[in-house]
Amino acid sequence: SNNSAEIRRVKDRIKSLSQQKEIGFVGWKFDGGKVEANTEA
């Protein structure tokens, strides 16, 4: 059961990373700080 859960987690992770690579995300600055899109994390 744990193996199956780990397989699903890895598949979801791969899918998410693929989407991020295709879409790309942007950060911005605000008064008193900044926002970053950390694709690695």
PDB file of all heavy atoms in Angstrom:
ATOM      1  N   SER A   1       0.833  -1.203   0.000  1.00  0.00           N
ATOM      2  CA  SER A   1       0.000   0.000   0.000  1.00  0.00           C
ATOM      3  C   SER A   1       0.865   1.250   0.000  1.00  0.00           C
ATOM      4  O   SER A   1       0.591   2.227  -0.710  1.00  0.00           O
ATOM      5  CB  SER A   1      -0.935   0.002   1.214  1.00  0.00           C
ATOM      6  OG  SER A   1      -1.788  -1.124   1.204  1.00  0.00           O
ATOM      7  N   ASN A   2       1.921   1.222   0.819  1.00  0.00           N
ATOM      8  CA  ASN A   2       2.831   2.370   0.847  1.00  0.00           C
ATOM      9  C   ASN A   2       3.513   2.581  -0.495  1.00  0.00           C
ATOM     10  O   ASN A   2       3.727   3.709  -0.937  1.00  0.00           O
ATOM     11  CB  ASN A   2       3.881   2.180   1.943  1.00  0.00           C
ATOM     12  CG  ASN A   2       3.277   2.329   3.332  1.00  0.00           C
ATOM     13  OD1 ASN A   2       2.140   2.780   3.468  1.00  0.00           O
ATOM     14  ND2 ASN A   2       4.033   1.950   4.356  1.00  0.00           N
ATOM     15  N   ASN A   3       3.884   1.469  -1.148  1.00  0.00           N
ATOM     16  CA  ASN A   3       4.508   1.577  -2.461  1.00  0.00           C
ATOM     17  C   ASN A   3       3.559   2.222  -3.463  1.00  0.00           C
ATOM     18  O   ASN A   3       3.953   3.072  -4.265  1.00  0.00           O
ATOM     19  CB  ASN A   3       4.927   0.198  -2.971  1.00  0.00           C
ATOM     20  CG  ASN A   3       6.170  -0.323  -2.267  1.00  0.00           C
ATOM     21  OD1 ASN A   3       6.903   0.458  -1.676  1.00  0.00           O
ATOM     22  ND2 ASN A   3       6.396  -1.618  -2.328  1.00  0.00           N
ATOM     23  N   SER A   4       2.291   1.808  -3.431  1.00  0.00           N
ATOM     24  CA  SER A   4       1.308   2.376  -4.353  1.00  0.00           C
ATOM     25  C   SER A   4       1.130   3.867  -4.106  1.00  0.00           C
ATOM     26  O   SER A   4       1.045   4.665  -5.051  1.00  0.00           O
ATOM     27  CB  SER A   4      -0.040   1.655  -4.197  1.00  0.00           C
ATOM     28  OG  SER A   4       0.086   0.285  -4.486  1.00  0.00           O
ATOM     29  N   ALA A   5       1.089   4.259  -2.844  1.00  0.00           N
ATOM     30  CA  ALA A   5       0.946   5.675  -2.509  1.00  0.00           C
ATOM     31  C   ALA A   5       2.157   6.472  -2.985  1.00  0.00           C
ATOM     32  O   ALA A   5       2.026   7.592  -3.496  1.00  0.00           O
ATOM     33  CB  ALA A   5       0.766   5.841  -1.005  1.00  0.00           C
ATOM     34  N   GLU A   6       3.342   5.882  -2.841  1.00  0.00           N
ATOM     35  CA  GLU A   6       4.566   6.568  -3.275  1.00  0.00           C
ATOM     36  C   GLU A   6       4.590   6.720  -4.794  1.00  0.00           C
ATOM     37  O   GLU A   6       5.007   7.757  -5.319  1.00  0.00           O
ATOM     38  CB  GLU A   6       5.792   5.776  -2.805  1.00  0.00           C
ATOM     39  CG  GLU A   6       7.131   6.378  -3.211  1.00  0.00           C
ATOM     40  CD  GLU A   6       7.390   7.734  -2.562  1.00  0.00           C
ATOM     41  OE1 GLU A   6       6.645   8.115  -1.626  1.00  0.00           O
ATOM     42  OE2 GLU A   6       8.327   8.418  -3.005  1.00  0.00           O
ATOM     43  N   ILE A   7       4.114   5.680  -5.496  1.00  0.00           N
ATOM     44  CA  ILE A   7       4.054   5.751  -6.960  1.00  0.00           C
ATOM     45  C   ILE A   7       3.122   6.880  -7.397  1.00  0.00           C
ATOM     46  O   ILE A   7       3.445   7.665  -8.292  1.00  0.00           O
ATOM     47  CB  ILE A   7       3.593   4.403  -7.546  1.00  0.00           C
ATOM     48  CG1 ILE A   7       4.687   3.342  -7.362  1.00  0.00           C
ATOM     49  CG2 ILE A   7       3.249   4.540  -9.037  1.00  0.00           C
ATOM     50  CD1 ILE A   7       4.244   1.947  -7.731  1.00  0.00           C
ATOM     51  N   ARG A   8       1.954   6.964  -6.754  1.00  0.00           N
ATOM     52  CA  ARG A   8       1.016   8.035  -7.096  1.00  0.00           C
ATOM     53  C   ARG A   8       1.615   9.408  -6.803  1.00  0.00           C
ATOM     54  O   ARG A   8       1.447  10.358  -7.575  1.00  0.00           O
ATOM     55  CB  ARG A   8      -0.291   7.854  -6.319  1.00  0.00           C
ATOM     56  CG  ARG A   8      -1.154   6.701  -6.819  1.00  0.00           C
ATOM     57  CD  ARG A   8      -2.558   6.798  -6.237  1.00  0.00           C
ATOM     58  NE  ARG A   8      -2.554   6.685  -4.782  1.00  0.00           N
ATOM     59  CZ  ARG A   8      -2.631   5.544  -4.116  1.00  0.00           C
ATOM     60  NH1 ARG A   8      -2.716   4.400  -4.782  1.00  0.00           N
ATOM     61  NH2 ARG A   8      -2.636   5.524  -2.798  1.00  0.00           N
ATOM     62  N   ARG A   9       2.327   9.519  -5.674  1.00  0.00           N
ATOM     63  CA  ARG A   9       2.923  10.801  -5.315  1.00  0.00           C
ATOM     64  C   ARG A   9       3.963  11.236  -6.348  1.00  0.00           C
ATOM     65  O   ARG A   9       3.991  12.400  -6.771  1.00  0.00           O
ATOM     66  CB  ARG A   9       3.580  10.710  -3.936  1.00  0.00           C
ATOM     67  CG  ARG A   9       4.071  12.047  -3.388  1.00  0.00           C
ATOM     68  CD  ARG A   9       4.973  11.852  -2.186  1.00  0.00           C
ATOM     69  NE  ARG A   9       6.237  11.210  -2.539  1.00  0.00           N
ATOM     70  CZ  ARG A   9       7.249  11.855  -3.122  1.00  0.00           C
ATOM     71  NH1 ARG A   9       7.149  13.141  -3.430  1.00  0.00           N
ATOM     72  NH2 ARG A   9       8.369  11.213  -3.411  1.00  0.00           N
ATOM     73  N   VAL A  10       4.798  10.287  -6.768  1.00  0.00           N
ATOM     74  CA  VAL A  10       5.838  10.607  -7.743  1.00  0.00           C
ATOM     75  C   VAL A  10       5.221  10.987  -9.089  1.00  0.00           C
ATOM     76  O   VAL A  10       5.668  11.931  -9.755  1.00  0.00           O
ATOM     77  CB  VAL A  10       6.798   9.410  -7.903  1.00  0.00           C
ATOM     78  CG1 VAL A  10       7.766   9.654  -9.062  1.00  0.00           C
ATOM     79  CG2 VAL A  10       7.584   9.183  -6.614  1.00  0.00           C
ATOM     80  N   LYS A  11       4.160  10.273  -9.478  1.00  0.00           N
ATOM     81  CA  LYS A  11       3.495  10.585 -10.736  1.00  0.00           C
ATOM     82  C   LYS A  11       2.899  11.987 -10.705  1.00  0.00           C
ATOM     83  O   LYS A  11       3.015  12.757 -11.664  1.00  0.00           O
ATOM     84  CB  LYS A  11       2.398   9.558 -11.021  1.00  0.00           C
ATOM     85  CG  LYS A  11       2.908   8.206 -11.476  1.00  0.00           C
ATOM     86  CD  LYS A  11       1.789   7.199 -11.603  1.00  0.00           C
ATOM     87  CE  LYS A  11       0.738   7.631 -12.583  1.00  0.00           C
ATOM     88  NZ  LYS A  11      -0.338   6.623 -12.730  1.00  0.00           N
ATOM     89  N   ASP A  12       2.259  12.316  -9.593  1.00  0.00           N
ATOM     90  CA  ASP A  12       1.679  13.660  -9.457  1.00  0.00           C
ATOM     91  C   ASP A  12       2.767  14.725  -9.483  1.00  0.00           C
ATOM     92  O   ASP A  12       2.587  15.807 -10.057  1.00  0.00           O
ATOM     93  CB  ASP A  12       0.880  13.763  -8.152  1.00  0.00           C
ATOM     94  CG  ASP A  12      -0.384  12.914  -8.186  1.00  0.00           C
ATOM     95  OD1 ASP A  12      -0.820  12.557  -9.293  1.00  0.00           O
ATOM     96  OD2 ASP A  12      -0.924  12.609  -7.097  1.00  0.00           O
ATOM     97  N   ARG A  13       3.888  14.411  -8.839  1.00  0.00           N
ATOM     98  CA  ARG A  13       5.009  15.348  -8.806  1.00  0.00           C
ATOM     99  C   ARG A  13       5.564  15.591 -10.213  1.00  0.00           C
ATOM    100  O   ARG A  13       5.811  16.733 -10.608  1.00  0.00           O
ATOM    101  CB  ARG A  13       6.109  14.784  -7.903  1.00  0.00           C
ATOM    102  CG  ARG A  13       7.411  15.565  -7.906  1.00  0.00           C
ATOM    103  CD  ARG A  13       7.275  16.925  -7.287  1.00  0.00           C
ATOM    104  NE  ARG A  13       8.573  17.552  -7.103  1.00  0.00           N
ATOM    105  CZ  ARG A  13       8.758  18.847  -6.925  1.00  0.00           C
ATOM    106  NH1 ARG A  13       7.720  19.659  -6.896  1.00  0.00           N
ATOM    107  NH2 ARG A  13       9.980  19.333  -6.759  1.00  0.00           N
ATOM    108  N   ILE A  14       5.722  14.523 -10.980  1.00  0.00           N
ATOM    109  CA  ILE A  14       6.229  14.641 -12.352  1.00  0.00           C
ATOM    110  C   ILE A  14       5.264  15.459 -13.203  1.00  0.00           C
ATOM    111  O   ILE A  14       5.665  16.324 -13.988  1.00  0.00           O
ATOM    112  CB  ILE A  14       6.449  13.241 -12.960  1.00  0.00           C
ATOM    113  CG1 ILE A  14       7.597  12.523 -12.244  1.00  0.00           C
ATOM    114  CG2 ILE A  14       6.722  13.326 -14.457  1.00  0.00           C
ATOM    115  CD1 ILE A  14       7.767  11.079 -12.650  1.00  0.00           C
ATOM    116  N   LYS A  15       3.968  15.172 -13.029  1.00  0.00           N
ATOM    117  CA  LYS A  15       2.959  15.903 -13.789  1.00  0.00           C
ATOM    118  C   LYS A  15       2.988  17.393 -13.461  1.00  0.00           C
ATOM    119  O   LYS A  15       2.915  18.251 -14.342  1.00  0.00           O
ATOM    120  CB  LYS A  15       1.579  15.331 -13.489  1.00  0.00           C
ATOM    121  CG  LYS A  15       0.452  15.965 -14.279  1.00  0.00           C
ATOM    122  CD  LYS A  15      -0.871  15.289 -13.966  1.00  0.00           C
ATOM    123  CE  LYS A  15      -2.000  15.932 -14.760  1.00  0.00           C
ATOM    124  NZ  LYS A  15      -3.314  15.284 -14.444  1.00  0.00           N
ATOM    125  N   SER A  16       3.131  17.697 -12.158  1.00  0.00           N
ATOM    126  CA  SER A  16       3.158  19.094 -11.721  1.00  0.00           C
ATOM    127  C   SER A  16       4.370  19.825 -12.274  1.00  0.00           C
ATOM    128  O   SER A  16       4.271  20.948 -12.765  1.00  0.00           O
ATOM    129  CB  SER A  16       3.150  19.162 -10.194  1.00  0.00           C
ATOM    130  OG  SER A  16       3.280  20.489  -9.741  1.00  0.00           O
ATOM    131  N   LEU A  17       5.525  19.170 -12.208  1.00  0.00           N
ATOM    132  CA  LEU A  17       6.752  19.797 -12.710  1.00  0.00           C
ATOM    133  C   LEU A  17       6.694  20.020 -14.213  1.00  0.00           C
ATOM    134  O   LEU A  17       7.179  21.035 -14.724  1.00  0.00           O
ATOM    135  CB  LEU A  17       7.962  18.936 -12.346  1.00  0.00           C
ATOM    136  CG  LEU A  17       8.315  18.858 -10.851  1.00  0.00           C
ATOM    137  CD1 LEU A  17       9.451  17.868 -10.629  1.00  0.00           C
ATOM    138  CD2 LEU A  17       8.696  20.237 -10.314  1.00  0.00           C
ATOM    139  N   SER A  18       6.068  19.073 -14.927  1.00  0.00           N
ATOM    140  CA  SER A  18       5.940  19.221 -16.374  1.00  0.00           C
ATOM    141  C   SER A  18       5.068  20.419 -16.714  1.00  0.00           C
ATOM    142  O   SER A  18       5.365  21.185 -17.630  1.00  0.00           O
ATOM    143  CB  SER A  18       5.346  17.939 -16.982  1.00  0.00           C
ATOM    144  OG  SER A  18       6.188  16.838 -16.740  1.00  0.00           O
ATOM    145  N   GLN A  19       3.964  20.573 -15.978  1.00  0.00           N
ATOM    146  CA  GLN A  19       3.087  21.708 -16.212  1.00  0.00           C
ATOM    147  C   GLN A  19       3.794  23.029 -15.927  1.00  0.00           C
ATOM    148  O   GLN A  19       3.641  24.004 -16.664  1.00  0.00           O
ATOM    149  CB  GLN A  19       1.835  21.584 -15.344  1.00  0.00           C
ATOM    150  CG  GLN A  19       0.899  20.464 -15.775  1.00  0.00           C
ATOM    151  CD  GLN A  19      -0.289  20.319 -14.849  1.00  0.00           C
ATOM    152  OE1 GLN A  19      -0.274  20.813 -13.726  1.00  0.00           O
ATOM    153  NE2 GLN A  19      -1.324  19.633 -15.313  1.00  0.00           N
ATOM    154  N   GLN A  20       4.571  23.060 -14.836  1.00  0.00           N
ATOM    155  CA  GLN A  20       5.295  24.280 -14.495  1.00  0.00           C
ATOM    156  C   GLN A  20       6.289  24.660 -15.586  1.00  0.00           C
ATOM    157  O   GLN A  20       6.452  25.822 -15.924  1.00  0.00           O
ATOM    158  CB  GLN A  20       6.025  24.104 -13.165  1.00  0.00           C
ATOM    159  CG  GLN A  20       5.103  23.984 -11.967  1.00  0.00           C
ATOM    160  CD  GLN A  20       5.867  23.609 -10.723  1.00  0.00           C
ATOM    161  OE1 GLN A  20       7.076  23.756 -10.672  1.00  0.00           O
ATOM    162  NE2 GLN A  20       5.162  23.127  -9.723  1.00  0.00           N
ATOM    163  N   LYS A  21       6.927  23.642 -16.134  1.00  0.00           N
ATOM    164  CA  LYS A  21       7.915  23.900 -17.176  1.00  0.00           C
ATOM    165  C   LYS A  21       7.246  24.456 -18.424  1.00  0.00           C
ATOM    166  O   LYS A  21       7.775  25.329 -19.106  1.00  0.00           O
ATOM    167  CB  LYS A  21       8.668  22.613 -17.506  1.00  0.00           C
ATOM    168  CG  LYS A  21       9.805  22.805 -18.492  1.00  0.00           C
ATOM    169  CD  LYS A  21      10.560  21.514 -18.690  1.00  0.00           C
ATOM    170  CE  LYS A  21      11.710  21.699 -19.666  1.00  0.00           C
ATOM    171  NZ  LYS A  21      12.455  20.446 -19.891  1.00  0.00           N
ATOM    172  N   GLU A  22       6.060  23.943 -18.737  1.00  0.00           N
ATOM    173  CA  GLU A  22       5.347  24.400 -19.916  1.00  0.00           C
ATOM    174  C   GLU A  22       4.760  25.802 -19.707  1.00  0.00           C
ATOM    175  O   GLU A  22       4.805  26.647 -20.595  1.00  0.00           O
ATOM    176  CB  GLU A  22       4.221  23.411 -20.258  1.00  0.00           C
ATOM    177  CG  GLU A  22       4.731  22.050 -20.725  1.00  0.00           C
ATOM    178  CD  GLU A  22       3.595  21.060 -20.931  1.00  0.00           C
ATOM    179  OE1 GLU A  22       2.419  21.466 -20.729  1.00  0.00           O
ATOM    180  OE2 GLU A  22       3.864  19.902 -21.286  1.00  0.00           O
ATOM    181  N   ILE A  23       4.175  26.044 -18.508  1.00  0.00           N
ATOM    182  CA  ILE A  23       3.477  27.309 -18.254  1.00  0.00           C
ATOM    183  C   ILE A  23       4.461  28.415 -17.889  1.00  0.00           C
ATOM    184  O   ILE A  23       4.489  29.480 -18.490  1.00  0.00           O
ATOM    185  CB  ILE A  23       2.433  27.142 -17.132  1.00  0.00           C
ATOM    186  CG1 ILE A  23       1.365  26.133 -17.576  1.00  0.00           C
ATOM    187  CG2 ILE A  23       1.793  28.466 -16.772  1.00  0.00           C
ATOM    188  CD1 ILE A  23       0.379  25.787 -16.480  1.00  0.00           C
ATOM    189  N   GLY A  24       5.277  28.176 -16.857  1.00  0.00           N
ATOM    190  CA  GLY A  24       6.152  29.215 -16.337  1.00  0.00           C
ATOM    191  C   GLY A  24       5.381  30.131 -15.396  1.00  0.00           C
ATOM    192  O   GLY A  24       4.194  30.401 -15.609  1.00  0.00           O
ATOM    193  N   PHE A  25       6.019  30.563 -14.338  1.00  0.00           N
ATOM    194  CA  PHE A  25       5.365  31.419 -13.353  1.00  0.00           C
ATOM    195  C   PHE A  25       6.205  32.679 -13.137  1.00  0.00           C
ATOM    196  O   PHE A  25       7.421  32.682 -13.349  1.00  0.00           O
ATOM    197  CB  PHE A  25       5.176  30.668 -12.029  1.00  0.00           C
ATOM    198  CG  PHE A  25       4.175  29.556 -12.118  1.00  0.00           C
ATOM    199  CD1 PHE A  25       4.595  28.240 -12.298  1.00  0.00           C
ATOM    200  CD2 PHE A  25       2.821  29.810 -12.030  1.00  0.00           C
ATOM    201  CE1 PHE A  25       3.671  27.210 -12.383  1.00  0.00           C
ATOM    202  CE2 PHE A  25       1.893  28.784 -12.118  1.00  0.00           C
ATOM    203  CZ  PHE A  25       2.317  27.481 -12.297  1.00  0.00           C
ATOM    204  N   VAL A  26       5.538  33.746 -12.697  1.00  0.00           N
ATOM    205  CA  VAL A  26       6.188  35.041 -12.545  1.00  0.00           C
ATOM    206  C   VAL A  26       6.131  35.477 -11.079  1.00  0.00           C
ATOM    207  O   VAL A  26       5.195  35.149 -10.345  1.00  0.00           O
ATOM    208  CB  VAL A  26       5.499  36.092 -13.450  1.00  0.00           C
ATOM    209  CG1 VAL A  26       4.077  36.352 -13.010  1.00  0.00           C
ATOM    210  CG2 VAL A  26       6.301  37.394 -13.502  1.00  0.00           C
ATOM    211  N   GLY A  27       7.135  36.216 -10.643  1.00  0.00           N
ATOM    212  CA  GLY A  27       7.143  36.812  -9.310  1.00  0.00           C
ATOM    213  C   GLY A  27       6.927  38.325  -9.398  1.00  0.00           C
ATOM    214  O   GLY A  27       6.804  38.878 -10.504  1.00  0.00           O
ATOM    215  N   TRP A  28       6.906  39.011  -8.271  1.00  0.00           N
ATOM    216  CA  TRP A  28       6.703  40.460  -8.287  1.00  0.00           C
ATOM    217  C   TRP A  28       7.205  41.060  -6.973  1.00  0.00           C
ATOM    218  O   TRP A  28       7.459  40.341  -6.001  1.00  0.00           O
ATOM    219  CB  TRP A  28       5.234  40.802  -8.515  1.00  0.00           C
ATOM    220  CG  TRP A  28       4.309  40.398  -7.393  1.00  0.00           C
ATOM    221  CD1 TRP A  28       3.953  41.147  -6.308  1.00  0.00           C
ATOM    222  CD2 TRP A  28       3.650  39.143  -7.251  1.00  0.00           C
ATOM    223  NE1 TRP A  28       3.101  40.449  -5.495  1.00  0.00           N
ATOM    224  CE2 TRP A  28       2.886  39.197  -6.067  1.00  0.00           C
ATOM    225  CE3 TRP A  28       3.595  37.958  -8.011  1.00  0.00           C
ATOM    226  CZ2 TRP A  28       2.113  38.152  -5.607  1.00  0.00           C
ATOM    227  CZ3 TRP A  28       2.817  36.917  -7.567  1.00  0.00           C
ATOM    228  CH2 TRP A  28       2.090  37.014  -6.381  1.00  0.00           C
ATOM    229  N   LYS A  29       7.313  42.363  -6.972  1.00  0.00           N
ATOM    230  CA  LYS A  29       7.700  43.090  -5.756  1.00  0.00           C
ATOM    231  C   LYS A  29       6.472  43.799  -5.187  1.00  0.00           C
ATOM    232  O   LYS A  29       5.574  44.222  -5.920  1.00  0.00           O
ATOM    233  CB  LYS A  29       8.792  44.106  -6.074  1.00  0.00           C
ATOM    234  CG  LYS A  29      10.131  43.473  -6.439  1.00  0.00           C
ATOM    235  CD  LYS A  29      11.202  44.541  -6.655  1.00  0.00           C
ATOM    236  CE  LYS A  29      12.556  43.903  -6.979  1.00  0.00           C
ATOM    237  NZ  LYS A  29      13.619  44.923  -7.184  1.00  0.00           N
ATOM    238  N   PHE A  30       6.440  43.908  -3.873  1.00  0.00           N
ATOM    239  CA  PHE A  30       5.364  44.638  -3.203  1.00  0.00           C
ATOM    240  C   PHE A  30       5.997  45.545  -2.144  1.00  0.00           C
ATOM    241  O   PHE A  30       7.197  45.443  -1.860  1.00  0.00           O
ATOM    242  CB  PHE A  30       4.346  43.671  -2.595  1.00  0.00           C
ATOM    243  CG  PHE A  30       4.910  42.753  -1.551  1.00  0.00           C
ATOM    244  CD1 PHE A  30       4.965  43.128  -0.201  1.00  0.00           C
ATOM    245  CD2 PHE A  30       5.403  41.485  -1.893  1.00  0.00           C
ATOM    246  CE1 PHE A  30       5.493  42.290   0.762  1.00  0.00           C
ATOM    247  CE2 PHE A  30       5.931  40.633  -0.923  1.00  0.00           C
ATOM    248  CZ  PHE A  30       5.979  41.037   0.399  1.00  0.00           C
ATOM    249  N   ASP A  31       5.217  46.407  -1.594  1.00  0.00           N
ATOM    250  CA  ASP A  31       5.705  47.342  -0.593  1.00  0.00           C
ATOM    251  C   ASP A  31       6.099  46.586   0.672  1.00  0.00           C
ATOM    252  O   ASP A  31       5.248  46.084   1.393  1.00  0.00           O
ATOM    253  CB  ASP A  31       4.607  48.379  -0.279  1.00  0.00           C
ATOM    254  CG  ASP A  31       5.130  49.499   0.634  1.00  0.00           C
ATOM    255  OD1 ASP A  31       6.370  49.589   0.803  1.00  0.00           O
ATOM    256  OD2 ASP A  31       4.304  50.262   1.162  1.00  0.00           O
ATOM    257  N   GLY A  32       7.406  46.447   0.864  1.00  0.00           N
ATOM    258  CA  GLY A  32       7.893  45.759   2.049  1.00  0.00           C
ATOM    259  C   GLY A  32       8.359  44.336   1.791  1.00  0.00           C
ATOM    260  O   GLY A  32       8.599  43.593   2.751  1.00  0.00           O
ATOM    261  N   GLY A  33       8.540  43.973   0.514  1.00  0.00           N
ATOM    262  CA  GLY A  33       9.037  42.627   0.249  1.00  0.00           C
ATOM    263  C   GLY A  33       8.906  42.200  -1.213  1.00  0.00           C
ATOM    264  O   GLY A  33       8.705  43.033  -2.108  1.00  0.00           O
ATOM    265  N   LYS A  34       9.012  40.922  -1.440  1.00  0.00           N
ATOM    266  CA  LYS A  34       8.920  40.389  -2.807  1.00  0.00           C
ATOM    267  C   LYS A  34       8.299  38.984  -2.787  1.00  0.00           C
ATOM    268  O   LYS A  34       8.298  38.293  -1.764  1.00  0.00           O
ATOM    269  CB  LYS A  34      10.297  40.326  -3.462  1.00  0.00           C
ATOM    270  CG  LYS A  34      11.268  39.373  -2.762  1.00  0.00           C
ATOM    271  CD  LYS A  34      12.625  39.330  -3.470  1.00  0.00           C
ATOM    272  CE  LYS A  34      13.574  38.346  -2.758  1.00  0.00           C
ATOM    273  NZ  LYS A  34      14.875  38.258  -3.424  1.00  0.00           N
ATOM    274  N   VAL A  35       7.784  38.587  -3.956  1.00  0.00           N
ATOM    275  CA  VAL A  35       7.222  37.243  -4.150  1.00  0.00           C
ATOM    276  C   VAL A  35       8.031  36.553  -5.242  1.00  0.00           C
ATOM    277  O   VAL A  35       8.284  37.141  -6.307  1.00  0.00           O
ATOM    278  CB  VAL A  35       5.730  37.312  -4.554  1.00  0.00           C
ATOM    279  CG1 VAL A  35       5.197  35.905  -4.820  1.00  0.00           C
ATOM    280  CG2 VAL A  35       4.914  37.991  -3.470  1.00  0.00           C
ATOM    281  N   GLU A  36       8.434  35.310  -4.981  1.00  0.00           N
ATOM    282  CA  GLU A  36       9.209  34.535  -5.960  1.00  0.00           C
ATOM    283  C   GLU A  36       8.498  33.227  -6.295  1.00  0.00           C
ATOM    284  O   GLU A  36       7.926  32.585  -5.405  1.00  0.00           O
ATOM    285  CB  GLU A  36      10.613  34.221  -5.411  1.00  0.00           C
ATOM    286  CG  GLU A  36      11.505  35.441  -5.269  1.00  0.00           C
ATOM    287  CD  GLU A  36      12.908  35.063  -4.820  1.00  0.00           C
ATOM    288  OE1 GLU A  36      13.141  33.859  -4.545  1.00  0.00           O
ATOM    289  OE2 GLU A  36      13.769  35.960  -4.722  1.00  0.00           O
ATOM    290  N   ALA A  37       8.564  32.852  -7.568  1.00  0.00           N
ATOM    291  CA  ALA A  37       8.044  31.553  -8.019  1.00  0.00           C
ATOM    292  C   ALA A  37       9.215  30.574  -8.037  1.00  0.00           C
ATOM    293  O   ALA A  37      10.014  30.558  -8.980  1.00  0.00           O
ATOM    294  CB  ALA A  37       7.419  31.673  -9.399  1.00  0.00           C
ATOM    295  N   ASN A  38       9.335  29.777  -6.973  1.00  0.00           N
ATOM    296  CA  ASN A  38      10.441  28.840  -6.833  1.00  0.00           C
ATOM    297  C   ASN A  38      10.034  27.502  -7.456  1.00  0.00           C
ATOM    298  O   ASN A  38       9.368  26.675  -6.833  1.00  0.00           O
ATOM    299  CB  ASN A  38      10.781  28.663  -5.346  1.00  0.00           C
ATOM    300  CG  ASN A  38      12.053  27.860  -5.134  1.00  0.00           C
ATOM    301  OD1 ASN A  38      12.452  27.076  -5.991  1.00  0.00           O
ATOM    302  ND2 ASN A  38      12.688  28.049  -3.986  1.00  0.00           N
ATOM    303  N   THR A  39      10.426  27.311  -8.711  1.00  0.00           N
ATOM    304  CA  THR A  39      10.018  26.086  -9.432  1.00  0.00           C
ATOM    305  C   THR A  39      10.717  24.851  -8.884  1.00  0.00           C
ATOM    306  O   THR A  39      10.157  23.751  -8.934  1.00  0.00           O
ATOM    307  CB  THR A  39      10.314  26.224 -10.933  1.00  0.00           C
ATOM    308  OG1 THR A  39      11.703  26.566 -11.111  1.00  0.00           O
ATOM    309  CG2 THR A  39       9.454  27.311 -11.556  1.00  0.00           C
ATOM    310  N   GLU A  40      11.933  24.986  -8.367  1.00  0.00           N
ATOM    311  CA  GLU A  40      12.652  23.831  -7.835  1.00  0.00           C
ATOM    312  C   GLU A  40      11.961  23.293  -6.585  1.00  0.00           C
ATOM    313  O   GLU A  40      11.833  22.083  -6.400  1.00  0.00           O
ATOM    314  CB  GLU A  40      14.099  24.198  -7.526  1.00  0.00           C
ATOM    315  CG  GLU A  40      14.938  24.463  -8.771  1.00  0.00           C
ATOM    316  CD  GLU A  40      16.398  24.686  -8.425  1.00  0.00           C
ATOM    317  OE1 GLU A  40      16.752  24.557  -7.230  1.00  0.00           O
ATOM    318  OE2 GLU A  40      17.187  24.985  -9.338  1.00  0.00           O
ATOM    319  N   ALA A  41      11.526  24.203  -5.721  1.00  0.00           N
ATOM    320  CA  ALA A  41      10.827  23.778  -4.506  1.00  0.00           C
ATOM    321  C   ALA A  41       9.335  23.617  -4.747  1.00  0.00           C
ATOM    322  O   ALA A  41       8.612  23.140  -3.878  1.00  0.00           O
ATOM    323  CB  ALA A  41      11.055  24.799  -3.387  1.00  0.00           C
TER     324      ALA A  41
END
